[in-house]
N, C-alpha and C. Protein backbone atom coordinates (compact mmCIF):
# COMPACT_ATOMS: atom_id res chain seq x y z
N UNK A 1 13.56 1.40 49.80
CA UNK A 1 14.05 2.76 49.97
C UNK A 1 13.67 3.23 51.37
N UNK A 2 14.62 3.75 52.09
CA UNK A 2 14.39 4.24 53.44
C UNK A 2 14.10 5.73 53.38
N UNK A 3 13.01 6.12 54.05
CA UNK A 3 12.60 7.52 54.04
C UNK A 3 13.14 8.20 55.30
N UNK A 4 14.44 8.50 55.28
CA UNK A 4 15.11 9.13 56.40
C UNK A 4 15.79 10.39 55.89
N UNK A 5 15.81 11.41 56.73
CA UNK A 5 16.51 12.64 56.38
C UNK A 5 17.44 12.99 57.53
N UNK A 6 18.72 13.08 57.22
CA UNK A 6 19.72 13.40 58.23
C UNK A 6 20.45 14.66 57.78
N UNK A 7 20.43 15.67 58.63
CA UNK A 7 21.10 16.94 58.32
C UNK A 7 22.08 17.25 59.43
N UNK A 8 23.21 17.82 59.03
CA UNK A 8 24.21 18.22 60.02
C UNK A 8 25.08 19.31 59.42
N UNK A 9 25.77 20.03 60.30
CA UNK A 9 26.74 21.04 59.89
C UNK A 9 28.11 20.56 60.32
N UNK A 10 29.10 20.84 59.49
CA UNK A 10 30.45 20.41 59.81
C UNK A 10 31.47 21.48 59.45
N UNK A 11 32.38 21.70 60.36
CA UNK A 11 33.60 22.49 60.10
C UNK A 11 34.72 21.50 60.39
N UNK A 12 35.39 21.06 59.33
CA UNK A 12 36.38 20.01 59.51
C UNK A 12 37.55 20.48 60.37
N UNK A 13 38.02 19.57 61.21
CA UNK A 13 39.20 19.81 62.04
C UNK A 13 40.24 18.76 61.67
N UNK A 14 41.45 18.97 62.11
CA UNK A 14 42.57 18.11 61.76
C UNK A 14 42.28 16.63 62.03
N UNK A 15 41.73 16.34 63.20
CA UNK A 15 41.50 14.94 63.58
C UNK A 15 40.49 14.24 62.67
N UNK A 16 39.52 14.98 62.12
CA UNK A 16 38.55 14.36 61.20
C UNK A 16 39.27 13.74 60.01
N UNK A 17 40.12 14.54 59.38
CA UNK A 17 40.83 14.06 58.20
C UNK A 17 41.92 13.06 58.55
N UNK A 18 42.66 13.35 59.61
CA UNK A 18 43.77 12.47 60.00
C UNK A 18 43.28 11.06 60.28
N UNK A 19 42.19 10.95 61.03
CA UNK A 19 41.67 9.63 61.37
C UNK A 19 41.23 8.86 60.13
N UNK A 20 40.56 9.52 59.21
CA UNK A 20 40.10 8.85 57.99
C UNK A 20 41.30 8.46 57.13
N UNK A 21 42.24 9.38 56.93
CA UNK A 21 43.41 9.05 56.12
C UNK A 21 44.18 7.89 56.74
N UNK A 22 44.35 7.91 58.06
CA UNK A 22 45.14 6.88 58.74
C UNK A 22 44.43 5.53 58.68
N UNK A 23 43.14 5.51 58.94
CA UNK A 23 42.41 4.24 59.03
C UNK A 23 42.12 3.60 57.69
N UNK A 24 41.90 4.41 56.66
CA UNK A 24 41.45 3.85 55.39
C UNK A 24 42.49 3.99 54.30
N UNK A 25 42.90 5.20 54.04
CA UNK A 25 43.66 5.47 52.83
C UNK A 25 45.14 5.16 53.00
N UNK A 26 45.72 5.61 54.09
CA UNK A 26 47.16 5.54 54.23
C UNK A 26 47.67 4.12 54.31
N UNK A 27 46.87 3.19 54.80
CA UNK A 27 47.35 1.82 54.96
C UNK A 27 47.78 1.22 53.64
N UNK A 28 47.09 1.51 52.55
CA UNK A 28 47.48 0.95 51.25
C UNK A 28 48.86 1.48 50.85
N UNK A 29 49.20 2.69 51.30
CA UNK A 29 50.51 3.23 50.97
C UNK A 29 51.61 2.59 51.82
N UNK A 30 51.29 2.12 53.03
CA UNK A 30 52.27 1.38 53.81
C UNK A 30 52.76 0.18 53.01
N UNK A 31 51.82 -0.53 52.40
CA UNK A 31 52.18 -1.72 51.64
C UNK A 31 53.13 -1.37 50.51
N UNK A 32 52.82 -0.31 49.79
CA UNK A 32 53.66 0.11 48.67
C UNK A 32 55.03 0.53 49.18
N UNK A 33 55.06 1.32 50.25
CA UNK A 33 56.35 1.78 50.78
C UNK A 33 57.18 0.62 51.31
N UNK A 34 56.54 -0.32 51.99
CA UNK A 34 57.28 -1.48 52.46
C UNK A 34 57.87 -2.26 51.30
N UNK A 35 57.10 -2.42 50.25
CA UNK A 35 57.60 -3.16 49.08
C UNK A 35 58.77 -2.41 48.44
N UNK A 36 58.64 -1.09 48.26
CA UNK A 36 59.71 -0.30 47.65
C UNK A 36 60.96 -0.32 48.52
N UNK A 37 60.78 -0.09 49.82
CA UNK A 37 61.94 -0.11 50.70
C UNK A 37 62.57 -1.50 50.76
N UNK A 38 61.75 -2.53 50.69
CA UNK A 38 62.29 -3.89 50.64
C UNK A 38 63.12 -4.13 49.40
N UNK A 39 62.65 -3.64 48.25
CA UNK A 39 63.41 -3.78 47.00
C UNK A 39 64.71 -2.98 47.06
N UNK A 40 64.65 -1.77 47.62
CA UNK A 40 65.87 -0.97 47.79
C UNK A 40 66.85 -1.71 48.68
N UNK A 41 66.33 -2.25 49.76
CA UNK A 41 67.16 -3.01 50.69
C UNK A 41 67.84 -4.18 49.96
N UNK A 42 67.07 -4.92 49.17
CA UNK A 42 67.64 -6.05 48.43
C UNK A 42 68.67 -5.61 47.41
N UNK A 43 68.41 -4.49 46.75
CA UNK A 43 69.32 -4.01 45.71
C UNK A 43 70.64 -3.51 46.31
N UNK A 44 70.59 -2.92 47.49
CA UNK A 44 71.79 -2.31 48.06
C UNK A 44 72.63 -3.24 48.92
N UNK A 45 72.03 -4.21 49.51
CA UNK A 45 72.81 -5.02 50.46
C UNK A 45 72.37 -6.47 50.45
N UNK A 46 73.32 -7.31 50.16
CA UNK A 46 73.11 -8.74 50.32
C UNK A 46 74.00 -9.17 51.48
N UNK A 47 73.47 -9.11 52.69
CA UNK A 47 74.31 -9.29 53.88
C UNK A 47 74.81 -10.73 54.05
N UNK A 48 75.96 -10.82 54.65
CA UNK A 48 76.50 -12.14 54.97
C UNK A 48 76.43 -12.40 56.47
N UNK A 49 76.18 -11.34 57.25
CA UNK A 49 76.04 -11.51 58.70
C UNK A 49 74.58 -11.76 59.05
N UNK A 50 74.34 -12.67 59.95
CA UNK A 50 72.98 -13.04 60.32
C UNK A 50 72.19 -11.86 60.89
N UNK A 51 72.83 -11.00 61.69
CA UNK A 51 72.09 -9.89 62.29
C UNK A 51 71.54 -8.95 61.24
N UNK A 52 72.22 -8.86 60.10
CA UNK A 52 71.72 -8.00 59.03
C UNK A 52 70.44 -8.54 58.42
N UNK A 53 70.29 -9.87 58.41
CA UNK A 53 69.06 -10.46 57.88
C UNK A 53 67.85 -9.96 58.65
N UNK A 54 68.03 -9.77 59.93
CA UNK A 54 66.93 -9.29 60.77
C UNK A 54 66.99 -7.78 61.00
N UNK A 55 68.20 -7.23 61.11
CA UNK A 55 68.35 -5.83 61.45
C UNK A 55 67.89 -4.87 60.37
N UNK A 56 68.32 -5.06 59.13
CA UNK A 56 67.94 -4.13 58.07
C UNK A 56 66.45 -4.20 57.73
N UNK A 57 65.86 -5.40 57.55
CA UNK A 57 64.41 -5.40 57.33
C UNK A 57 63.65 -4.83 58.53
N UNK A 58 64.15 -5.09 59.73
CA UNK A 58 63.51 -4.55 60.93
C UNK A 58 63.57 -3.03 60.96
N UNK A 59 64.72 -2.48 60.55
CA UNK A 59 64.86 -1.03 60.49
C UNK A 59 63.90 -0.43 59.47
N UNK A 60 63.81 -1.08 58.29
CA UNK A 60 62.87 -0.63 57.27
C UNK A 60 61.46 -0.68 57.82
N UNK A 61 61.14 -1.77 58.50
CA UNK A 61 59.80 -1.96 59.05
C UNK A 61 59.47 -0.90 60.09
N UNK A 62 60.45 -0.52 60.91
CA UNK A 62 60.21 0.49 61.94
C UNK A 62 60.16 1.91 61.37
N UNK A 63 61.00 2.21 60.39
CA UNK A 63 61.06 3.57 59.86
C UNK A 63 59.92 3.91 58.92
N UNK A 64 59.36 2.91 58.23
CA UNK A 64 58.28 3.19 57.29
C UNK A 64 57.07 3.82 57.98
N UNK A 65 56.55 3.27 59.08
CA UNK A 65 55.41 3.94 59.74
C UNK A 65 55.76 5.32 60.29
N UNK A 66 57.00 5.50 60.77
CA UNK A 66 57.40 6.81 61.30
C UNK A 66 57.40 7.83 60.16
N UNK A 67 58.04 7.48 59.05
CA UNK A 67 58.06 8.36 57.88
C UNK A 67 56.64 8.63 57.40
N UNK A 68 55.83 7.57 57.30
CA UNK A 68 54.46 7.71 56.80
C UNK A 68 53.63 8.60 57.71
N UNK A 69 53.82 8.47 59.01
CA UNK A 69 53.06 9.30 59.95
C UNK A 69 53.41 10.78 59.79
N UNK A 70 54.69 11.07 59.63
CA UNK A 70 55.10 12.47 59.44
C UNK A 70 54.57 13.01 58.11
N UNK A 71 54.67 12.19 57.07
CA UNK A 71 54.17 12.62 55.76
C UNK A 71 52.65 12.81 55.80
N UNK A 72 51.96 11.91 56.50
CA UNK A 72 50.51 11.99 56.59
C UNK A 72 50.06 13.29 57.24
N UNK A 73 50.75 13.71 58.29
CA UNK A 73 50.38 14.96 58.96
C UNK A 73 50.49 16.15 58.00
N UNK A 74 51.51 16.15 57.15
CA UNK A 74 51.66 17.22 56.16
C UNK A 74 50.55 17.19 55.12
N UNK A 75 50.20 15.99 54.66
CA UNK A 75 49.13 15.84 53.67
C UNK A 75 47.80 16.31 54.25
N UNK A 76 47.52 15.92 55.49
CA UNK A 76 46.27 16.31 56.14
C UNK A 76 46.21 17.83 56.33
N UNK A 77 47.31 18.43 56.76
CA UNK A 77 47.32 19.88 56.97
C UNK A 77 47.08 20.62 55.66
N UNK A 78 47.72 20.17 54.57
CA UNK A 78 47.51 20.81 53.26
C UNK A 78 46.07 20.63 52.79
N UNK A 79 45.50 19.46 53.01
CA UNK A 79 44.12 19.21 52.61
C UNK A 79 43.17 20.08 53.41
N UNK A 80 43.41 20.20 54.69
CA UNK A 80 42.56 20.99 55.57
C UNK A 80 42.58 22.48 55.18
N UNK A 81 43.69 22.94 54.64
CA UNK A 81 43.80 24.33 54.23
C UNK A 81 43.18 24.59 52.86
N UNK A 82 42.83 23.53 52.13
CA UNK A 82 42.19 23.72 50.83
C UNK A 82 40.78 24.28 51.02
N UNK A 83 40.28 24.95 50.00
CA UNK A 83 38.98 25.62 50.09
C UNK A 83 37.85 24.63 50.40
N UNK A 84 37.91 23.43 49.82
CA UNK A 84 36.84 22.45 50.01
C UNK A 84 36.67 22.03 51.46
N UNK A 85 37.75 22.01 52.23
CA UNK A 85 37.65 21.56 53.61
C UNK A 85 37.69 22.70 54.62
N UNK A 86 38.07 23.89 54.19
CA UNK A 86 38.20 24.99 55.15
C UNK A 86 36.88 25.71 55.43
N UNK A 87 35.92 25.57 54.51
CA UNK A 87 34.64 26.25 54.70
C UNK A 87 33.66 25.39 55.52
N UNK A 88 32.84 26.03 56.35
CA UNK A 88 31.78 25.28 57.02
C UNK A 88 30.80 24.72 55.98
N UNK A 89 30.31 23.52 56.22
CA UNK A 89 29.40 22.88 55.28
C UNK A 89 28.13 22.45 55.99
N UNK A 90 27.04 22.51 55.25
CA UNK A 90 25.77 21.98 55.71
C UNK A 90 25.44 20.80 54.80
N UNK A 91 25.24 19.64 55.39
CA UNK A 91 25.03 18.42 54.61
C UNK A 91 23.67 17.81 54.96
N UNK A 92 22.94 17.41 53.93
CA UNK A 92 21.66 16.72 54.12
C UNK A 92 21.70 15.43 53.33
N UNK A 93 21.39 14.33 54.00
CA UNK A 93 21.30 13.02 53.34
C UNK A 93 19.87 12.54 53.47
N UNK A 94 19.28 12.15 52.33
CA UNK A 94 17.93 11.60 52.34
C UNK A 94 17.83 10.53 51.26
N UNK A 95 16.63 10.10 50.95
CA UNK A 95 16.46 9.01 49.98
C UNK A 95 16.90 9.40 48.57
N UNK A 96 17.02 10.69 48.29
CA UNK A 96 17.45 11.14 46.96
C UNK A 96 18.97 11.19 46.80
N UNK A 97 19.70 11.40 47.88
CA UNK A 97 21.15 11.50 47.79
C UNK A 97 21.72 12.41 48.85
N UNK A 98 22.84 13.05 48.52
CA UNK A 98 23.57 13.90 49.45
C UNK A 98 23.63 15.32 48.89
N UNK A 99 23.18 16.26 49.69
CA UNK A 99 23.21 17.68 49.32
C UNK A 99 24.22 18.37 50.24
N UNK A 100 25.24 19.01 49.64
CA UNK A 100 26.26 19.73 50.40
C UNK A 100 26.19 21.20 50.03
N UNK A 101 26.13 22.06 51.05
CA UNK A 101 26.02 23.50 50.83
C UNK A 101 27.08 24.23 51.63
N UNK A 102 27.78 25.16 50.97
CA UNK A 102 28.68 26.09 51.64
C UNK A 102 28.20 27.49 51.28
N UNK A 103 28.90 28.50 51.82
CA UNK A 103 28.49 29.86 51.46
C UNK A 103 28.92 30.23 50.04
N UNK A 104 29.68 29.37 49.37
CA UNK A 104 30.11 29.62 47.99
C UNK A 104 29.43 28.73 46.96
N UNK A 105 28.96 27.56 47.39
CA UNK A 105 28.41 26.63 46.39
C UNK A 105 27.43 25.65 47.01
N UNK A 106 26.79 24.91 46.12
CA UNK A 106 25.86 23.86 46.54
C UNK A 106 26.01 22.72 45.53
N UNK A 107 26.04 21.50 46.04
CA UNK A 107 26.15 20.35 45.15
C UNK A 107 25.30 19.20 45.63
N UNK A 108 24.68 18.50 44.69
CA UNK A 108 23.83 17.35 45.04
C UNK A 108 24.35 16.15 44.28
N UNK A 109 24.48 15.04 44.99
CA UNK A 109 24.91 13.79 44.38
C UNK A 109 23.85 12.73 44.67
N UNK A 110 23.40 12.06 43.62
CA UNK A 110 22.45 10.96 43.79
C UNK A 110 23.20 9.75 44.35
N UNK A 111 22.49 8.87 45.01
CA UNK A 111 23.11 7.68 45.59
C UNK A 111 23.79 6.82 44.53
N UNK A 112 23.26 6.83 43.31
CA UNK A 112 23.86 6.02 42.24
C UNK A 112 25.26 6.49 41.87
N UNK A 113 25.64 7.69 42.29
CA UNK A 113 26.97 8.21 41.99
C UNK A 113 28.04 7.70 42.96
N UNK A 114 27.63 7.00 44.02
CA UNK A 114 28.58 6.49 45.00
C UNK A 114 28.86 5.01 44.72
N UNK A 115 30.15 4.66 44.71
CA UNK A 115 30.50 3.26 44.43
C UNK A 115 30.62 2.44 45.71
N UNK A 116 30.88 3.09 46.86
CA UNK A 116 30.95 2.35 48.13
C UNK A 116 30.95 3.34 49.29
N UNK A 117 30.83 2.78 50.49
CA UNK A 117 30.97 3.58 51.70
C UNK A 117 31.66 2.73 52.75
N UNK A 118 32.31 3.39 53.70
CA UNK A 118 32.97 2.70 54.81
C UNK A 118 32.69 3.47 56.09
N UNK A 119 32.71 2.72 57.18
CA UNK A 119 32.58 3.33 58.50
C UNK A 119 33.85 3.08 59.27
N UNK A 120 34.42 4.14 59.82
CA UNK A 120 35.60 4.00 60.68
C UNK A 120 35.16 4.26 62.11
N UNK A 121 36.10 4.29 63.00
CA UNK A 121 35.75 4.55 64.40
C UNK A 121 35.25 5.98 64.61
N UNK A 122 35.60 6.90 63.70
CA UNK A 122 35.24 8.31 63.90
C UNK A 122 34.37 8.91 62.80
N UNK A 123 34.22 8.22 61.66
CA UNK A 123 33.54 8.84 60.52
C UNK A 123 32.84 7.82 59.63
N UNK A 124 31.97 8.36 58.78
CA UNK A 124 31.43 7.63 57.65
C UNK A 124 32.09 8.22 56.41
N UNK A 125 32.52 7.38 55.48
CA UNK A 125 33.22 7.85 54.29
C UNK A 125 32.48 7.32 53.07
N UNK A 126 32.04 8.25 52.21
CA UNK A 126 31.34 7.89 50.97
C UNK A 126 32.29 8.12 49.79
N UNK A 127 32.31 7.18 48.86
CA UNK A 127 33.22 7.25 47.72
C UNK A 127 32.46 7.43 46.40
N UNK A 128 32.54 8.62 45.78
CA UNK A 128 32.00 8.77 44.43
C UNK A 128 32.85 7.99 43.42
N UNK A 129 34.16 7.91 43.67
CA UNK A 129 35.07 7.08 42.89
C UNK A 129 35.97 6.36 43.91
N UNK A 130 36.73 5.38 43.47
CA UNK A 130 37.61 4.71 44.42
C UNK A 130 38.67 5.64 45.03
N UNK A 131 38.90 6.82 44.42
CA UNK A 131 39.97 7.70 44.88
C UNK A 131 39.49 9.03 45.44
N UNK A 132 38.21 9.30 45.42
CA UNK A 132 37.67 10.52 46.01
C UNK A 132 36.63 10.14 47.05
N UNK A 133 36.44 11.00 48.03
CA UNK A 133 35.54 10.63 49.13
C UNK A 133 34.93 11.85 49.78
N UNK A 134 33.81 11.61 50.43
CA UNK A 134 33.14 12.60 51.28
C UNK A 134 33.18 12.06 52.71
N UNK A 135 33.57 12.90 53.62
CA UNK A 135 33.69 12.48 55.03
C UNK A 135 32.52 13.03 55.82
N UNK A 136 31.92 12.16 56.62
CA UNK A 136 30.88 12.57 57.56
C UNK A 136 31.37 12.20 58.96
N UNK A 137 31.92 13.17 59.70
CA UNK A 137 32.39 12.88 61.06
C UNK A 137 31.22 12.50 61.97
N UNK A 138 31.39 11.45 62.73
CA UNK A 138 30.33 11.02 63.65
C UNK A 138 30.04 12.07 64.72
N UNK A 139 31.03 12.89 65.03
CA UNK A 139 30.84 13.92 66.06
C UNK A 139 29.78 14.95 65.65
N UNK A 140 29.50 15.04 64.35
CA UNK A 140 28.53 16.01 63.84
C UNK A 140 27.11 15.48 63.80
N UNK A 141 26.94 14.19 64.01
CA UNK A 141 25.63 13.57 63.89
C UNK A 141 25.12 13.23 65.29
N UNK A 142 23.89 13.59 65.59
CA UNK A 142 23.34 13.21 66.90
C UNK A 142 23.44 11.69 67.10
N UNK A 143 23.81 11.30 68.29
CA UNK A 143 24.05 9.89 68.59
C UNK A 143 22.86 8.99 68.21
N UNK A 144 21.64 9.49 68.42
CA UNK A 144 20.46 8.67 68.12
C UNK A 144 20.18 8.54 66.61
N UNK A 145 20.94 9.28 65.77
CA UNK A 145 20.76 9.18 64.31
C UNK A 145 21.84 8.35 63.62
N UNK A 146 22.82 7.88 64.38
CA UNK A 146 23.92 7.08 63.79
C UNK A 146 23.37 5.82 63.12
N UNK A 147 22.51 5.09 63.82
CA UNK A 147 21.95 3.85 63.24
C UNK A 147 21.08 4.16 62.02
N UNK A 148 20.37 5.27 62.06
CA UNK A 148 19.56 5.65 60.90
C UNK A 148 20.44 5.97 59.70
N UNK A 149 21.59 6.59 59.94
CA UNK A 149 22.51 6.88 58.84
C UNK A 149 23.09 5.59 58.26
N UNK A 150 23.46 4.66 59.13
CA UNK A 150 23.94 3.35 58.65
C UNK A 150 22.90 2.68 57.75
N UNK A 151 21.66 2.69 58.21
CA UNK A 151 20.57 2.07 57.44
C UNK A 151 20.37 2.79 56.10
N UNK A 152 20.46 4.11 56.11
CA UNK A 152 20.32 4.89 54.88
C UNK A 152 21.45 4.54 53.89
N UNK A 153 22.65 4.45 54.39
CA UNK A 153 23.79 4.10 53.52
C UNK A 153 23.68 2.66 53.01
N UNK A 154 23.31 1.75 53.90
CA UNK A 154 23.13 0.34 53.48
C UNK A 154 22.07 0.21 52.40
N UNK A 155 21.00 0.96 52.53
CA UNK A 155 19.89 0.85 51.58
C UNK A 155 20.20 1.48 50.23
N UNK A 156 21.10 2.47 50.22
CA UNK A 156 21.29 3.24 48.99
C UNK A 156 22.65 3.11 48.31
N UNK A 157 23.65 2.64 49.03
CA UNK A 157 25.00 2.54 48.45
C UNK A 157 25.45 1.08 48.47
N UNK A 158 25.89 0.60 47.34
CA UNK A 158 26.42 -0.76 47.27
C UNK A 158 27.76 -0.81 47.99
N UNK A 159 28.18 -2.00 48.36
CA UNK A 159 29.53 -2.23 48.89
C UNK A 159 29.83 -1.46 50.17
N UNK A 160 28.95 -1.48 51.13
CA UNK A 160 29.22 -0.85 52.41
C UNK A 160 30.13 -1.72 53.24
N UNK A 161 30.93 -1.09 54.08
CA UNK A 161 31.85 -1.84 54.93
C UNK A 161 32.07 -1.09 56.23
N UNK A 162 32.15 -1.84 57.29
CA UNK A 162 32.41 -1.25 58.59
C UNK A 162 33.76 -1.76 59.07
N UNK A 163 34.68 -0.85 59.34
CA UNK A 163 35.98 -1.24 59.84
C UNK A 163 35.86 -1.45 61.34
N UNK A 164 36.24 -2.63 61.79
CA UNK A 164 36.15 -2.90 63.21
C UNK A 164 37.55 -3.02 63.82
N UNK A 165 37.60 -3.34 65.07
CA UNK A 165 38.89 -3.41 65.76
C UNK A 165 39.77 -4.53 65.23
N UNK A 166 39.18 -5.53 64.60
CA UNK A 166 39.97 -6.61 64.03
C UNK A 166 40.87 -6.12 62.91
N UNK A 167 40.49 -5.03 62.23
CA UNK A 167 41.30 -4.55 61.12
C UNK A 167 42.70 -4.15 61.60
N UNK A 168 42.83 -3.66 62.82
CA UNK A 168 44.15 -3.33 63.37
C UNK A 168 45.00 -4.56 63.54
N UNK A 169 44.39 -5.66 64.00
CA UNK A 169 45.13 -6.92 64.14
C UNK A 169 45.53 -7.44 62.77
N UNK A 170 44.64 -7.30 61.81
CA UNK A 170 44.94 -7.75 60.45
C UNK A 170 46.11 -6.96 59.89
N UNK A 171 46.14 -5.66 60.12
CA UNK A 171 47.24 -4.83 59.65
C UNK A 171 48.55 -5.26 60.30
N UNK A 172 48.53 -5.52 61.60
CA UNK A 172 49.74 -5.94 62.29
C UNK A 172 50.25 -7.26 61.72
N UNK A 173 49.35 -8.19 61.43
CA UNK A 173 49.75 -9.46 60.83
C UNK A 173 50.34 -9.26 59.44
N UNK A 174 49.78 -8.32 58.68
CA UNK A 174 50.32 -8.04 57.36
C UNK A 174 51.73 -7.47 57.47
N UNK A 175 51.98 -6.58 58.44
CA UNK A 175 53.32 -6.02 58.62
C UNK A 175 54.30 -7.12 58.99
N UNK A 176 53.91 -8.00 59.90
CA UNK A 176 54.77 -9.12 60.27
C UNK A 176 55.04 -10.00 59.05
N UNK A 177 54.02 -10.21 58.24
CA UNK A 177 54.18 -11.00 57.01
C UNK A 177 55.18 -10.36 56.06
N UNK A 178 55.10 -9.04 55.90
CA UNK A 178 56.07 -8.34 55.04
C UNK A 178 57.48 -8.48 55.60
N UNK A 179 57.62 -8.37 56.91
CA UNK A 179 58.94 -8.52 57.53
C UNK A 179 59.50 -9.91 57.26
N UNK A 180 58.70 -10.92 57.47
CA UNK A 180 59.16 -12.30 57.23
C UNK A 180 59.50 -12.50 55.76
N UNK A 181 58.68 -11.96 54.88
CA UNK A 181 58.95 -12.08 53.44
C UNK A 181 60.26 -11.41 53.07
N UNK A 182 60.53 -10.21 53.62
CA UNK A 182 61.79 -9.53 53.32
C UNK A 182 62.98 -10.35 53.81
N UNK A 183 62.88 -10.92 55.00
CA UNK A 183 63.97 -11.74 55.53
C UNK A 183 64.19 -12.96 54.65
N UNK A 184 63.11 -13.64 54.28
CA UNK A 184 63.25 -14.85 53.45
C UNK A 184 63.80 -14.55 52.07
N UNK A 185 63.29 -13.50 51.43
CA UNK A 185 63.78 -13.14 50.10
C UNK A 185 65.26 -12.76 50.17
N UNK A 186 65.62 -12.00 51.19
CA UNK A 186 67.02 -11.61 51.36
C UNK A 186 67.90 -12.86 51.52
N UNK A 187 67.44 -13.79 52.33
CA UNK A 187 68.20 -15.01 52.56
C UNK A 187 68.35 -15.82 51.28
N UNK A 188 67.26 -16.00 50.55
CA UNK A 188 67.30 -16.79 49.31
C UNK A 188 68.20 -16.13 48.27
N UNK A 189 68.07 -14.81 48.10
CA UNK A 189 68.90 -14.10 47.13
C UNK A 189 70.37 -14.18 47.53
N UNK A 190 70.65 -14.09 48.82
CA UNK A 190 72.06 -14.14 49.26
C UNK A 190 72.69 -15.51 49.02
N UNK A 191 71.88 -16.55 48.90
CA UNK A 191 72.41 -17.87 48.58
C UNK A 191 73.04 -17.90 47.19
N UNK A 192 72.47 -17.10 46.30
CA UNK A 192 72.96 -17.06 44.92
C UNK A 192 73.92 -15.92 44.65
N UNK A 193 74.08 -15.05 45.64
CA UNK A 193 74.98 -13.90 45.49
C UNK A 193 76.42 -14.40 45.61
N UNK A 194 77.30 -13.97 44.71
CA UNK A 194 78.69 -14.47 44.76
C UNK A 194 79.36 -14.10 46.08
N UNK A 195 80.00 -15.07 46.70
CA UNK A 195 80.73 -14.86 47.95
C UNK A 195 82.15 -14.37 47.62
N UNK A 196 82.68 -13.48 48.45
CA UNK A 196 84.04 -12.98 48.19
C UNK A 196 85.05 -13.76 48.99
């Protein structure tokens, strides 16, 4: 058990939430959207021209991140306007857990209530469940306490993970893989599609 106490105040801004949503949460939705758009593409068009084999999946591939980025900005703005994120918060992390205080409420969570944590380029994210999270922006923590916070999280929360720059390359490879899969599936299905 690490005997460290880290306290900070935070007033969330758009970039705090946007960066976390973009780096961690939204990527899983890209996969779902690519799969859905790929199925729609397959259902609507079995092309006989070669350029369509590359053009339509490529269009889907290009439009999905654009659509997702616009949708993400709306989600982040709505979240930021919610009461939980609009109030200034005082947060204390120590060997007992996380204490969050606003001018309306106070809540304490023991470390055993967190199932995992992740570090992004801009924040630490703690997960009480796989679908809910607490954000700790790095901008709110003194630079000399960042390593102490990492150690505190490592010691108290199972399944810690640090997202590094390689994750962006991995995402790009996954997108290319989806593109290739859409082209191949379209080609294979068109072999069995009745020719006119």
